[in-house]
Amino acid sequence: MNDYVRNEDEFLHVGANWERMYTIENRTLNPQHASAVFKLRDGRDNLLCEAVCTIQPEGVLVQIPYEKTQEIDKRITKAKYDLFLKMNEKSYKLIMGNIQIIHDISMH
C-alpha cells in the first residue's frame, strides 16, 4: 500500500502547549490497533523532541507539552516534522511539513 502523505506547515510557540488533531484521510487504514510517532527535527535532522500521540476514532491527537518546547535551543527557529502511523509491522507517513518556532512569547 502506498503512503498517503499530506504536507502542512505549522507554528510552535515555545512555552505553550502544542496540540493538533490529524485526521486519517486514507480510509483503507484502520488505526484501531495502531500506534503513532511524531518527531520534530532541526535542519540537520537532529531530534528536537517527540510528541505524545494518542489514537482517536477520528485520527491521531499529537501533543507537545510546554515543558518540552522550552528545551528547544533558542537559536533554532525552523524545524521539520513528520507523523507516522505504525500498524501490522508497517509504517505509514501521514503528514509532514515545516514548523516555525517562535521563542518570544508574550502572555499579555
Protein backbone atom coordinates (compact mmCIF):
# COMPACT_ATOMS: atom_id res chain seq x y z
CA MET A 1 0.00 0.00 0.00
CA ASN A 2 1.34 3.44 -0.88
CA ASP A 3 1.66 6.07 1.81
CA TYR A 4 -0.71 8.99 1.60
CA VAL A 5 1.36 11.97 2.72
CA ARG A 6 -0.11 15.37 3.38
CA ASN A 7 2.24 18.37 3.58
CA GLU A 8 1.23 21.08 6.04
CA ASP A 9 3.30 23.82 7.69
CA GLU A 10 2.79 24.72 11.36
CA PHE A 11 3.81 27.18 14.09
CA LEU A 12 5.06 26.27 17.56
CA HIS A 13 5.22 28.83 20.38
CA VAL A 14 7.88 28.00 22.96
CA GLY A 15 6.39 27.99 26.45
CA ALA A 16 2.92 26.94 25.28
CA ASN A 17 1.29 23.54 24.94
CA TRP A 18 1.11 22.46 21.28
CA GLU A 19 -1.75 20.20 20.25
CA ARG A 20 -3.10 19.08 16.89
CA MET A 21 -5.62 16.52 15.72
CA TYR A 22 -4.57 14.97 12.42
CA THR A 23 -7.34 13.12 10.64
CA ILE A 24 -6.57 9.99 8.70
CA GLU A 25 -7.82 10.68 5.20
CA ASN A 26 -6.81 7.32 3.76
CA ARG A 27 -9.86 5.26 4.72
CA THR A 28 -8.10 1.97 3.96
CA LEU A 29 -6.05 2.49 7.13
CA ASN A 30 -7.82 1.39 10.30
CA PRO A 31 -5.89 2.86 13.23
CA GLN A 32 -7.78 0.93 15.90
CA HIS A 33 -4.76 -1.23 16.82
CA ALA A 34 -2.04 1.16 15.63
CA SER A 35 0.43 3.45 17.31
CA ALA A 36 1.74 6.78 16.09
CA VAL A 37 5.09 8.57 16.22
CA PHE A 38 5.59 12.33 15.76
CA LYS A 39 9.13 13.69 15.60
CA LEU A 40 10.33 17.27 15.42
CA ARG A 41 13.81 17.69 13.87
CA ASP A 42 16.12 20.59 13.11
CA GLY A 43 17.62 21.37 9.70
CA ARG A 44 20.46 18.91 10.32
CA ASP A 45 17.99 16.13 11.13
CA ASN A 46 18.77 16.20 14.87
CA LEU A 47 15.83 15.19 17.04
CA LEU A 48 14.42 18.16 18.96
CA CYS A 49 11.53 16.31 20.62
CA GLU A 50 8.93 13.61 20.23
CA ALA A 51 5.27 14.30 20.86
CA VAL A 52 2.78 12.26 22.82
CA CYS A 53 0.49 10.60 20.26
CA THR A 54 -2.93 9.19 21.08
CA ILE A 55 -5.02 7.25 18.58
CA GLN A 56 -8.60 8.59 18.45
CA PRO A 57 -11.52 7.34 16.33
CA GLU A 58 -11.19 10.38 14.05
CA GLY A 59 -7.39 10.42 13.81
CA VAL A 60 -4.24 10.99 15.82
CA LEU A 61 -4.04 13.50 18.66
CA VAL A 62 -0.50 14.94 18.85
CA GLN A 63 0.61 16.84 21.96
CA ILE A 64 3.87 18.54 22.92
CA PRO A 65 3.73 19.86 26.50
CA TYR A 66 5.12 23.33 27.13
CA GLU A 67 7.99 21.87 29.18
CA LYS A 68 9.34 20.08 26.11
CA THR A 69 9.05 23.21 23.96
CA GLN A 70 11.22 25.09 26.47
CA GLU A 71 14.05 22.60 25.85
CA ILE A 72 14.40 23.75 22.21
CA ASP A 73 17.57 25.79 21.67
CA LYS A 74 16.80 29.50 21.17
CA ARG A 75 18.95 29.55 18.03
CA ILE A 76 16.56 27.14 16.30
CA THR A 77 13.69 28.98 14.61
CA LYS A 78 12.79 26.45 11.91
CA ALA A 79 12.27 22.73 12.09
CA LYS A 80 10.57 19.92 10.23
CA TYR A 81 8.20 17.24 11.45
CA ASP A 82 6.56 14.05 10.37
CA LEU A 83 3.86 11.81 11.74
CA PHE A 84 3.89 8.07 11.17
CA LEU A 85 1.17 5.54 11.83
CA LYS A 86 2.60 2.13 12.78
CA MET A 87 0.42 -0.92 12.29
CA ASN A 88 0.79 -4.50 11.14
CA GLU A 89 4.61 -4.22 11.22
CA LYS A 90 4.48 -1.37 8.67
CA SER A 91 4.87 2.41 8.93
CA TYR A 92 2.73 4.88 7.02
CA LYS A 93 3.77 8.52 6.83
CA LEU A 94 0.58 10.54 7.27
CA ILE A 95 1.79 14.12 7.33
CA MET A 96 4.97 16.15 7.17
CA GLY A 97 5.95 19.78 6.99
CA ASN A 98 7.93 22.67 8.37
CA ILE A 99 7.40 24.27 11.75
CA GLN A 100 8.30 27.85 12.52
CA ILE A 101 9.48 28.02 16.15
CA ILE A 102 8.61 31.26 17.92
CA HIS A 103 10.67 31.81 21.07
CA ASP A 104 9.46 35.23 22.21
CA ILE A 105 6.00 34.76 23.59
CA SER A 106 4.01 37.45 25.33
CA MET A 107 1.35 36.31 27.75
CA HIS A 108 -0.36 39.75 27.86
